[in-house]
Amino acid sequence: MRALILFPLLLICNLAVAAGDNAPWGTAADNQLEIEYAPHKVLYDVSAGSMEQFEGVLDRASYLNNVYGADPFDASIVLVLHGGEIDFFALENHDRYRELMRRAQSLTVGGIIEFRMCRIAARGHGYAPKDIHGFVQMVPMADAEIVRLQQEEGYAYMR
């Protein structure tokens, strides 16, 4: 009975020593499995506090678009904006955020990725719809839009 208990413990200890102190359980196995992801309808609830955070959201949405094969018939990705990123979309800030907005607008060209901005949040930042880039659709309220997309249109929620 002791041998049955001691053998697994010795095996674990040997693995820990072999892998070093930084990897006591070894390293992750990469089985090279290719998983095919079917296109879906996805919404991102966006409230980014910095340009870096917002660029990360754009990266994720862009990558998901690529994983879905950029199929406009089966995929839809909506980014609902209601935080600090609103300032990036203001026309008055175009010179400062030119490259970021060029990238955001280019993601909309295929018709899969859309930007929807909360009108209430924009107003809180001092902007009216006329102050925001034209590739953005204004919606009355971010929370209501997020619920509507999930409940009525079957979108999966991402934060």
Protein backbone atom coordinates (compact mmCIF):
# COMPACT_ATOMS: atom_id res chain seq x y z
CA MET A 1 0.00 0.00 0.00
CA ARG A 2 2.85 2.40 0.84
CA ALA A 3 4.42 1.68 -2.53
CA LEU A 4 1.19 2.69 -4.27
CA ILE A 5 1.24 6.01 -2.44
CA LEU A 6 4.96 6.66 -2.70
CA PHE A 7 5.31 5.91 -6.42
CA PRO A 8 3.02 8.77 -7.59
CA LEU A 9 4.73 11.14 -5.15
CA LEU A 10 8.16 10.19 -6.46
CA LEU A 11 6.93 10.60 -10.02
CA ILE A 12 5.59 14.09 -9.27
CA CYS A 13 8.85 15.06 -7.55
CA ASN A 14 10.90 13.82 -10.50
CA LEU A 15 8.74 15.78 -12.93
CA ALA A 16 9.13 18.91 -10.84
CA VAL A 17 12.92 18.53 -10.72
CA ALA A 18 13.10 17.78 -14.45
CA ALA A 19 10.97 20.80 -15.34
CA GLY A 20 12.73 23.15 -12.93
CA ASP A 21 11.35 25.36 -10.20
CA ASN A 22 9.39 27.53 -12.63
CA ALA A 23 7.38 24.64 -14.05
CA PRO A 24 6.65 22.19 -11.25
CA TRP A 25 3.87 20.54 -13.31
CA GLY A 26 5.75 20.52 -16.60
CA THR A 27 4.57 22.58 -19.55
CA ALA A 28 1.31 22.64 -21.49
CA ALA A 29 0.78 20.01 -24.13
CA ASP A 30 0.13 21.32 -27.62
CA ASN A 31 -1.62 18.51 -29.40
CA GLN A 32 -1.71 20.51 -32.64
CA LEU A 33 -5.46 19.99 -32.80
CA GLU A 34 -7.14 22.08 -35.42
CA ILE A 35 -10.50 23.19 -34.13
CA GLU A 36 -12.78 24.74 -36.70
CA TYR A 37 -14.96 27.46 -35.25
CA ALA A 38 -18.28 28.08 -36.94
CA PRO A 39 -19.11 31.76 -37.47
CA HIS A 40 -21.35 33.29 -34.83
CA LYS A 41 -22.88 36.58 -33.81
CA VAL A 42 -20.74 38.18 -31.09
CA LEU A 43 -20.95 41.43 -29.19
CA TYR A 44 -18.13 43.06 -27.31
CA ASP A 45 -19.10 45.19 -24.32
CA VAL A 46 -16.38 47.84 -24.63
CA SER A 47 -15.38 50.24 -21.89
CA ALA A 48 -11.66 50.77 -22.43
CA GLY A 49 -9.74 53.02 -20.08
CA SER A 50 -6.72 53.44 -22.34
CA MET A 51 -5.65 53.35 -25.94
CA GLU A 52 -3.73 50.12 -25.25
CA GLN A 53 -6.84 48.44 -23.84
CA PHE A 54 -8.89 49.53 -26.83
CA GLU A 55 -6.23 48.31 -29.26
CA GLY A 56 -6.43 44.96 -27.46
CA VAL A 57 -10.18 44.83 -28.09
CA LEU A 58 -9.62 45.65 -31.77
CA ASP A 59 -7.02 42.88 -31.92
CA ARG A 60 -9.45 40.36 -30.46
CA ALA A 61 -12.33 41.37 -32.75
CA SER A 62 -10.07 41.34 -35.80
CA TYR A 63 -8.65 37.94 -34.92
CA LEU A 64 -12.13 36.52 -34.32
CA ASN A 65 -13.18 37.87 -37.70
CA ASN A 66 -10.26 36.00 -39.28
CA VAL A 67 -11.06 32.80 -37.38
CA TYR A 68 -14.62 33.05 -38.71
CA GLY A 69 -13.29 33.34 -42.24
CA ALA A 70 -14.64 36.88 -42.67
CA ASP A 71 -17.99 35.43 -43.71
CA PRO A 72 -20.55 38.27 -43.83
CA PHE A 73 -23.46 35.84 -44.25
CA ASP A 74 -22.88 33.88 -41.04
CA ALA A 75 -20.76 36.11 -38.80
CA SER A 76 -21.43 39.42 -37.11
CA ILE A 77 -19.24 41.20 -34.57
CA VAL A 78 -20.62 44.28 -32.84
CA LEU A 79 -18.52 46.44 -30.54
CA VAL A 80 -20.77 48.44 -28.20
CA LEU A 81 -18.82 51.49 -27.01
CA HIS A 82 -19.65 53.27 -23.77
CA GLY A 83 -16.41 54.13 -21.95
CA GLY A 84 -13.20 56.11 -22.28
CA GLU A 85 -12.72 54.95 -25.87
CA ILE A 86 -15.49 57.35 -26.93
CA ASP A 87 -12.93 60.16 -27.04
CA PHE A 88 -10.95 58.27 -29.71
CA PHE A 89 -13.95 58.49 -32.07
CA ALA A 90 -14.54 62.23 -31.68
CA LEU A 91 -13.90 64.25 -34.83
CA GLU A 92 -12.11 66.90 -32.76
CA ASN A 93 -9.53 64.27 -31.76
CA HIS A 94 -8.94 62.94 -35.26
CA ASP A 95 -5.37 64.24 -35.56
CA ARG A 96 -4.40 62.67 -32.24
CA TYR A 97 -5.99 59.26 -32.93
CA ARG A 98 -5.76 59.19 -36.74
CA GLU A 99 -4.05 55.78 -37.04
CA LEU A 100 -6.28 54.15 -34.43
CA MET A 101 -9.41 55.42 -36.20
CA ARG A 102 -8.04 54.39 -39.59
CA ARG A 103 -7.63 50.87 -38.20
CA ALA A 104 -11.09 50.85 -36.57
CA GLN A 105 -12.76 52.07 -39.77
CA SER A 106 -10.89 49.51 -41.87
CA LEU A 107 -12.34 46.71 -39.72
CA THR A 108 -15.83 47.75 -40.79
CA VAL A 109 -15.17 47.47 -44.53
CA GLY A 110 -16.06 43.77 -44.82
CA GLY A 111 -19.45 44.34 -43.20
CA ILE A 112 -18.87 41.92 -40.32
CA ILE A 113 -17.52 44.26 -37.66
CA GLU A 114 -19.65 47.20 -36.52
CA PHE A 115 -19.19 49.93 -33.94
CA ARG A 116 -22.21 51.09 -31.97
CA MET A 117 -21.84 53.92 -29.48
CA CYS A 118 -24.04 54.73 -26.52
CA ARG A 119 -25.62 58.14 -27.11
CA ILE A 120 -25.95 58.73 -23.35
CA ALA A 121 -22.26 57.97 -22.73
CA ALA A 122 -21.23 60.13 -25.70
CA ARG A 123 -23.30 62.98 -24.30
CA GLY A 124 -21.52 62.47 -20.96
CA HIS A 125 -18.22 63.00 -22.80
CA GLY A 126 -19.62 66.17 -24.39
CA TYR A 127 -20.36 64.71 -27.85
CA ALA A 128 -23.43 64.63 -30.07
CA PRO A 129 -23.77 62.21 -33.00
CA LYS A 130 -22.50 64.95 -35.35
CA ASP A 131 -19.21 64.95 -33.39
CA ILE A 132 -18.44 61.24 -33.99
CA HIS A 133 -16.90 59.53 -37.05
CA GLY A 134 -19.44 58.37 -39.63
CA PHE A 135 -18.61 54.66 -39.48
CA VAL A 136 -20.11 54.54 -35.96
CA GLN A 137 -23.80 53.94 -35.36
CA MET A 138 -25.27 55.72 -32.35
CA VAL A 139 -27.68 53.73 -30.16
CA PRO A 140 -29.86 55.16 -27.39
CA MET A 141 -28.23 53.23 -24.52
CA ALA A 142 -25.35 50.71 -24.39
CA ASP A 143 -26.90 48.47 -21.74
CA ALA A 144 -30.23 48.27 -23.57
CA GLU A 145 -28.42 47.52 -26.86
CA ILE A 146 -26.35 44.78 -25.26
CA VAL A 147 -29.45 43.15 -23.78
CA ARG A 148 -31.35 43.50 -27.07
CA LEU A 149 -28.55 41.92 -29.08
CA GLN A 150 -28.35 38.99 -26.66
CA GLN A 151 -32.04 38.40 -26.06
CA GLU A 152 -33.59 39.29 -29.41
CA GLU A 153 -30.82 38.60 -31.93
CA GLY A 154 -28.89 35.76 -30.28
CA TYR A 155 -25.51 37.44 -29.88
CA ALA A 156 -22.90 35.92 -27.59
CA TYR A 157 -21.52 38.31 -24.98
CA MET A 158 -17.81 39.14 -24.70
CA ARG A 159 -16.22 41.60 -22.30
